[in-house]
């Protein structure tokens, strides 16, 4: 990043956070590091939002935990067909290959997003 670009970023941050322009020297490197960390956290939160929005658009799939710390997404399953619009008791069965299990929820969702419905 060029010095001019970095200075502009500092000015933009000052305007965003405090509503006024500040001399770039008055913002310490600690503040810049903190802002960078917050930007990173916001980017991760946006990824979670994208994951949830993607999940809401999937039909006939399940996010499954094996009670042993592993997670998977599956479209290969069967269930009785619910009647009507309201929530009902159903019985569901899914087949998941060993290679489809992941150590976390986000990893399982990301893998499914890359591979999509089977």
Protein backbone atom coordinates (compact mmCIF):
# COMPACT_ATOMS: atom_id res chain seq x y z
CA UNK A 1 0.00 0.00 0.00
CA UNK A 2 1.42 3.38 -0.94
CA UNK A 3 1.84 6.07 1.69
CA UNK A 4 -0.81 8.20 -0.02
CA UNK A 5 -3.27 5.29 -0.09
CA UNK A 6 -2.57 4.52 3.58
CA UNK A 7 -3.09 8.18 4.50
CA UNK A 8 -6.41 8.21 2.62
CA UNK A 9 -7.49 5.07 4.45
CA UNK A 10 -6.67 6.74 7.76
CA UNK A 11 -8.75 9.75 6.79
CA UNK A 12 -11.64 7.51 5.70
CA UNK A 13 -11.49 5.63 9.00
CA UNK A 14 -11.49 8.88 10.97
CA UNK A 15 -14.49 10.16 9.05
CA UNK A 16 -16.34 6.87 9.56
CA UNK A 17 -15.57 6.47 13.25
CA UNK A 18 -15.62 10.04 14.51
CA UNK A 19 -17.45 11.96 11.80
CA UNK A 20 -14.56 14.33 11.35
CA UNK A 21 -11.28 14.43 9.54
CA UNK A 22 -8.23 13.93 11.73
CA UNK A 23 -4.58 14.48 11.12
CA UNK A 24 -3.20 11.02 10.18
CA UNK A 25 -0.40 11.39 12.71
CA UNK A 26 -2.97 11.50 15.52
CA UNK A 27 -4.10 7.95 14.77
CA UNK A 28 -1.60 5.50 16.16
CA UNK A 29 -0.53 2.28 14.53
CA UNK A 30 -2.40 0.47 17.30
CA UNK A 31 -5.62 2.02 16.11
CA UNK A 32 -4.89 0.98 12.54
CA UNK A 33 -4.18 -2.58 13.69
CA UNK A 34 -7.41 -2.60 15.72
CA UNK A 35 -9.41 -1.32 12.76
CA UNK A 36 -7.83 -4.00 10.55
CA UNK A 37 -8.80 -6.65 13.11
CA UNK A 38 -12.37 -5.35 13.25
CA UNK A 39 -12.57 -5.33 9.46
CA UNK A 40 -11.43 -8.96 9.48
CA UNK A 41 -14.10 -9.88 12.05
CA UNK A 42 -16.74 -8.11 9.97
CA UNK A 43 -15.63 -9.98 6.85
CA UNK A 44 -15.96 -13.30 8.73
CA UNK A 45 -19.41 -12.32 10.00
CA UNK A 46 -20.42 -11.51 6.42
CA UNK A 47 -19.26 -15.01 5.38
CA UNK A 48 -21.52 -16.48 8.07
CA UNK A 49 -24.43 -14.42 6.74
CA UNK A 50 -23.71 -15.69 3.23
CA UNK A 51 -23.65 -19.27 4.53
CA UNK A 52 -27.01 -18.86 6.27
CA UNK A 53 -28.60 -17.23 3.22
CA UNK A 54 -27.31 -20.09 1.05
CA UNK A 55 -28.67 -22.68 3.53
CA UNK A 56 -32.12 -21.07 3.47
CA UNK A 57 -32.28 -21.57 -0.31
CA UNK A 58 -31.50 -25.30 -0.14
CA UNK A 59 -34.42 -27.71 -0.22
CA UNK A 60 -34.21 -31.42 0.50
CA UNK A 61 -30.92 -31.16 2.31
CA UNK A 62 -29.81 -31.56 5.89
CA UNK A 63 -27.00 -30.24 8.03
CA UNK A 64 -26.18 -33.25 10.18
CA UNK A 65 -24.06 -33.86 13.28
CA UNK A 66 -22.89 -37.42 14.00
CA UNK A 67 -22.79 -36.91 17.80
CA UNK A 68 -19.04 -37.41 17.55
CA UNK A 69 -18.02 -33.87 16.60
CA UNK A 70 -18.38 -34.21 12.82
CA UNK A 71 -20.72 -32.32 10.50
CA UNK A 72 -21.99 -32.96 6.97
CA UNK A 73 -24.54 -31.69 4.48
CA UNK A 74 -26.55 -34.25 2.59
CA UNK A 75 -29.14 -34.32 -0.15
CA UNK A 76 -29.14 -38.13 -0.29
CA UNK A 77 -31.98 -38.98 2.02
CA UNK A 78 -35.58 -40.00 2.41
CA UNK A 79 -38.46 -38.81 4.55
CA UNK A 80 -42.18 -39.13 4.69
CA UNK A 81 -43.96 -36.35 2.84
CA UNK A 82 -45.48 -33.83 5.25
CA UNK A 83 -49.10 -32.92 4.59
CA UNK A 84 -50.21 -29.32 4.83
CA UNK A 85 -48.21 -26.21 5.57
CA UNK A 86 -47.61 -26.42 9.32
CA UNK A 87 -44.75 -28.17 11.10
CA UNK A 88 -45.29 -31.91 11.53
CA UNK A 89 -43.52 -34.94 12.91
CA UNK A 90 -41.47 -36.61 10.21
CA UNK A 91 -38.96 -39.42 10.01
CA UNK A 92 -35.82 -38.71 8.01
CA UNK A 93 -32.94 -40.91 6.94
CA UNK A 94 -29.76 -39.73 5.21
CA UNK A 95 -26.76 -41.53 3.75
CA UNK A 96 -23.42 -39.78 4.23
CA UNK A 97 -20.12 -41.07 2.88
CA UNK A 98 -17.17 -40.94 5.29
CA UNK A 99 -15.37 -38.40 3.08
CA UNK A 100 -18.29 -35.95 3.48
CA UNK A 101 -17.81 -35.52 7.26
CA UNK A 102 -16.06 -32.36 8.45
CA UNK A 103 -14.75 -31.17 11.81
CA UNK A 104 -16.98 -28.08 11.94
CA UNK A 105 -20.27 -26.63 10.76
CA UNK A 106 -18.68 -23.96 8.57
CA UNK A 107 -16.39 -26.50 6.89
CA UNK A 108 -19.36 -28.75 6.11
CA UNK A 109 -21.38 -25.87 4.67
CA UNK A 110 -18.44 -24.54 2.65
CA UNK A 111 -17.74 -27.99 1.20
CA UNK A 112 -21.40 -28.35 0.23
CA UNK A 113 -21.43 -24.89 -1.33
CA UNK A 114 -18.47 -25.87 -3.51
CA UNK A 115 -19.99 -29.22 -4.47
CA UNK A 116 -23.66 -28.31 -4.37
CA UNK A 117 -26.56 -30.73 -4.27
CA UNK A 118 -25.76 -34.27 -5.33
